[in-house]
Amino acid sequence: MNNFCHTCGHEIIVKSLYKPKTYCSSDCRDYMKFKNALEKVLIALRPTIEAKKIIRGDMFRLSNSVSNCTNTFEEK
């Protein structure tokens, strides 16, 4: 039985009958942990219009840091 990582979508080969893995690596697990924490903080913030522009710029720069190539897994 196989399932897929909730973060990157790569296949996870399940080797036991216990609770299946949700993430393929600690990096994927950490991403979700920090993304959820950031979302809670962003909801609580009440920034000015200028601060919103800065935050949006930061989010755009972060989104551009996602690589278009794989470094660990091979694309199928």
N, C-alpha and C. Protein backbone atom coordinates (compact mmCIF):
# COMPACT_ATOMS: atom_id res chain seq x y z
N MET A 1 0.84 -1.18 0.00
CA MET A 1 0.00 0.00 0.00
C MET A 1 0.89 1.24 0.00
N ASN A 2 0.57 2.19 -0.86
CA ASN A 2 1.34 3.41 -0.95
C ASN A 2 0.44 4.62 -0.72
N ASN A 3 1.03 5.68 -0.21
CA ASN A 3 0.32 6.94 -0.10
C ASN A 3 1.27 8.05 -0.54
N PHE A 4 0.81 9.28 -0.48
CA PHE A 4 1.59 10.39 -1.00
C PHE A 4 1.80 11.44 0.08
N CYS A 5 2.96 12.08 0.05
CA CYS A 5 3.33 13.12 1.00
C CYS A 5 2.35 14.28 0.89
N HIS A 6 1.88 14.78 2.03
CA HIS A 6 0.91 15.87 2.05
C HIS A 6 1.52 17.19 1.62
N THR A 7 2.85 17.29 1.59
CA THR A 7 3.50 18.54 1.23
C THR A 7 3.98 18.56 -0.21
N CYS A 8 4.80 17.57 -0.58
CA CYS A 8 5.44 17.61 -1.91
C CYS A 8 4.78 16.69 -2.93
N GLY A 9 3.95 15.77 -2.46
CA GLY A 9 3.24 14.88 -3.37
C GLY A 9 3.99 13.65 -3.80
N HIS A 10 5.21 13.47 -3.32
CA HIS A 10 5.95 12.27 -3.68
C HIS A 10 5.36 11.05 -3.00
N GLU A 11 5.51 9.94 -3.64
CA GLU A 11 4.96 8.69 -3.13
C GLU A 11 5.74 8.22 -1.90
N ILE A 12 5.00 7.75 -0.90
CA ILE A 12 5.59 7.18 0.30
C ILE A 12 5.25 5.70 0.29
N ILE A 13 6.25 4.86 0.33
CA ILE A 13 6.03 3.42 0.38
C ILE A 13 5.82 3.01 1.83
N VAL A 14 4.65 2.50 2.11
CA VAL A 14 4.29 2.11 3.48
C VAL A 14 4.85 0.71 3.74
N LYS A 15 5.60 0.59 4.84
CA LYS A 15 6.25 -0.68 5.15
C LYS A 15 5.67 -1.36 6.37
N SER A 16 4.65 -0.76 6.99
CA SER A 16 4.06 -1.39 8.17
C SER A 16 2.55 -1.18 8.16
N LEU A 17 1.89 -1.87 9.07
CA LEU A 17 0.44 -1.75 9.18
C LEU A 17 0.03 -0.71 10.21
N TYR A 18 1.01 -0.11 10.86
CA TYR A 18 0.72 0.93 11.84
C TYR A 18 0.30 2.20 11.12
N LYS A 19 0.16 3.27 11.86
CA LYS A 19 -0.27 4.55 11.30
C LYS A 19 0.63 4.92 10.10
N PRO A 20 0.02 5.15 8.94
CA PRO A 20 0.84 5.47 7.76
C PRO A 20 1.51 6.84 7.90
N LYS A 21 2.67 6.97 7.28
CA LYS A 21 3.39 8.24 7.31
C LYS A 21 2.62 9.28 6.50
N THR A 22 2.65 10.51 6.97
CA THR A 22 1.97 11.61 6.30
C THR A 22 2.94 12.39 5.42
N TYR A 23 4.21 12.43 5.83
CA TYR A 23 5.23 13.20 5.12
C TYR A 23 6.40 12.29 4.77
N CYS A 24 7.07 12.61 3.67
CA CYS A 24 8.18 11.77 3.22
C CYS A 24 9.49 12.13 3.90
N SER A 25 9.57 13.31 4.52
CA SER A 25 10.82 13.73 5.16
C SER A 25 10.53 14.72 6.27
N SER A 26 11.55 14.98 7.08
CA SER A 26 11.40 15.97 8.14
C SER A 26 11.25 17.37 7.54
N ASP A 27 11.84 17.62 6.37
CA ASP A 27 11.68 18.93 5.72
C ASP A 27 10.21 19.18 5.37
N CYS A 28 9.54 18.18 4.83
CA CYS A 28 8.13 18.33 4.48
C CYS A 28 7.27 18.51 5.73
N ARG A 29 7.58 17.77 6.79
CA ARG A 29 6.84 17.90 8.04
C ARG A 29 7.06 19.29 8.64
N ASP A 30 8.32 19.77 8.62
CA ASP A 30 8.62 21.10 9.15
C ASP A 30 7.94 22.20 8.34
N TYR A 31 7.89 22.04 7.02
CA TYR A 31 7.23 23.03 6.17
C TYR A 31 5.78 23.21 6.63
N MET A 32 5.06 22.10 6.80
CA MET A 32 3.66 22.19 7.20
C MET A 32 3.51 22.80 8.59
N LYS A 33 4.41 22.45 9.49
CA LYS A 33 4.36 22.99 10.85
C LYS A 33 4.53 24.51 10.81
N PHE A 34 5.53 25.00 10.06
CA PHE A 34 5.79 26.43 10.00
C PHE A 34 4.73 27.17 9.18
N LYS A 35 4.22 26.54 8.13
CA LYS A 35 3.16 27.16 7.33
C LYS A 35 1.92 27.38 8.18
N ASN A 36 1.55 26.39 8.96
CA ASN A 36 0.37 26.51 9.82
C ASN A 36 0.58 27.58 10.89
N ALA A 37 1.79 27.65 11.46
CA ALA A 37 2.08 28.68 12.46
C ALA A 37 2.03 30.07 11.83
N LEU A 38 2.60 30.22 10.62
CA LEU A 38 2.58 31.51 9.93
C LEU A 38 1.16 31.94 9.61
N GLU A 39 0.34 31.00 9.19
CA GLU A 39 -1.05 31.32 8.87
C GLU A 39 -1.79 31.88 10.09
N LYS A 40 -1.57 31.26 11.25
CA LYS A 40 -2.22 31.74 12.48
C LYS A 40 -1.76 33.16 12.82
N VAL A 41 -0.46 33.43 12.64
CA VAL A 41 0.07 34.76 12.93
C VAL A 41 -0.50 35.78 11.95
N LEU A 42 -0.54 35.44 10.67
CA LEU A 42 -1.06 36.37 9.67
C LEU A 42 -2.53 36.72 9.92
N ILE A 43 -3.31 35.75 10.38
CA ILE A 43 -4.72 36.00 10.68
C ILE A 43 -4.84 36.98 11.85
N ALA A 44 -3.94 36.87 12.82
CA ALA A 44 -4.01 37.71 14.01
C ALA A 44 -3.47 39.12 13.78
N LEU A 45 -2.61 39.32 12.77
CA LEU A 45 -2.02 40.63 12.51
C LEU A 45 -3.07 41.62 12.01
N ARG A 46 -2.86 42.87 12.33
CA ARG A 46 -3.69 43.95 11.81
C ARG A 46 -2.76 45.01 11.22
N PRO A 47 -2.10 44.68 10.08
CA PRO A 47 -1.10 45.59 9.53
C PRO A 47 -1.72 46.78 8.80
N THR A 48 -0.93 47.83 8.67
CA THR A 48 -1.34 48.98 7.87
C THR A 48 -1.27 48.58 6.40
N ILE A 49 -1.76 49.44 5.53
CA ILE A 49 -1.73 49.15 4.09
C ILE A 49 -0.29 48.99 3.61
N GLU A 50 0.61 49.85 4.09
CA GLU A 50 2.02 49.76 3.69
C GLU A 50 2.65 48.46 4.20
N ALA A 51 2.33 48.07 5.42
CA ALA A 51 2.87 46.83 5.97
C ALA A 51 2.33 45.62 5.21
N LYS A 52 1.08 45.68 4.75
CA LYS A 52 0.51 44.59 3.95
C LYS A 52 1.30 44.42 2.66
N LYS A 53 1.69 45.54 2.04
CA LYS A 53 2.48 45.46 0.81
C LYS A 53 3.82 44.78 1.07
N ILE A 54 4.44 45.09 2.19
CA ILE A 54 5.72 44.47 2.54
C ILE A 54 5.54 42.98 2.78
N ILE A 55 4.49 42.62 3.51
CA ILE A 55 4.22 41.20 3.79
C ILE A 55 3.96 40.44 2.49
N ARG A 56 3.16 41.02 1.59
CA ARG A 56 2.89 40.37 0.31
C ARG A 56 4.17 40.19 -0.49
N GLY A 57 5.06 41.18 -0.45
CA GLY A 57 6.34 41.06 -1.13
C GLY A 57 7.19 39.94 -0.54
N ASP A 58 7.17 39.85 0.78
CA ASP A 58 7.89 38.76 1.45
C ASP A 58 7.35 37.40 1.02
N MET A 59 6.01 37.28 0.97
CA MET A 59 5.39 36.01 0.57
C MET A 59 5.73 35.68 -0.88
N PHE A 60 5.77 36.69 -1.74
CA PHE A 60 6.13 36.47 -3.14
C PHE A 60 7.57 35.97 -3.25
N ARG A 61 8.48 36.60 -2.52
CA ARG A 61 9.89 36.16 -2.54
C ARG A 61 10.02 34.73 -2.02
N LEU A 62 9.27 34.41 -0.98
CA LEU A 62 9.30 33.04 -0.46
C LEU A 62 8.79 32.05 -1.49
N SER A 63 7.72 32.41 -2.20
CA SER A 63 7.17 31.50 -3.19
C SER A 63 8.15 31.27 -4.34
N ASN A 64 8.97 32.25 -4.63
CA ASN A 64 9.96 32.09 -5.69
C ASN A 64 11.16 31.26 -5.26
N SER A 65 11.27 30.98 -3.97
CA SER A 65 12.38 30.14 -3.52
C SER A 65 12.08 28.65 -3.68
N VAL A 66 10.86 28.32 -4.05
CA VAL A 66 10.51 26.92 -4.30
C VAL A 66 11.15 26.52 -5.62
N SER A 67 11.96 25.48 -5.55
CA SER A 67 12.73 25.04 -6.71
C SER A 67 11.84 24.41 -7.77
N ASN A 68 12.18 24.62 -9.04
CA ASN A 68 11.47 23.98 -10.14
C ASN A 68 12.03 22.61 -10.47
N CYS A 69 13.15 22.26 -9.86
CA CYS A 69 13.76 20.96 -10.11
C CYS A 69 13.78 20.16 -8.82
N THR A 70 13.96 18.88 -8.94
CA THR A 70 14.03 18.03 -7.75
C THR A 70 15.48 17.79 -7.42
N ASN A 71 15.77 17.69 -6.14
CA ASN A 71 17.14 17.42 -5.75
C ASN A 71 17.30 16.08 -5.06
N THR A 72 16.20 15.50 -4.60
CA THR A 72 16.28 14.21 -3.91
C THR A 72 15.53 13.13 -4.67
N PHE A 73 14.40 13.48 -5.20
CA PHE A 73 13.56 12.51 -5.87
C PHE A 73 13.64 12.69 -7.37
N GLU A 74 13.40 11.63 -8.06
CA GLU A 74 13.42 11.67 -9.52
C GLU A 74 12.00 11.83 -10.04
N GLU A 75 11.81 12.77 -10.96
CA GLU A 75 10.49 12.96 -11.56
C GLU A 75 10.14 11.75 -12.42
N LYS A 76 8.89 11.36 -12.38
CA LYS A 76 8.45 10.22 -13.20
C LYS A 76 7.69 10.72 -14.39
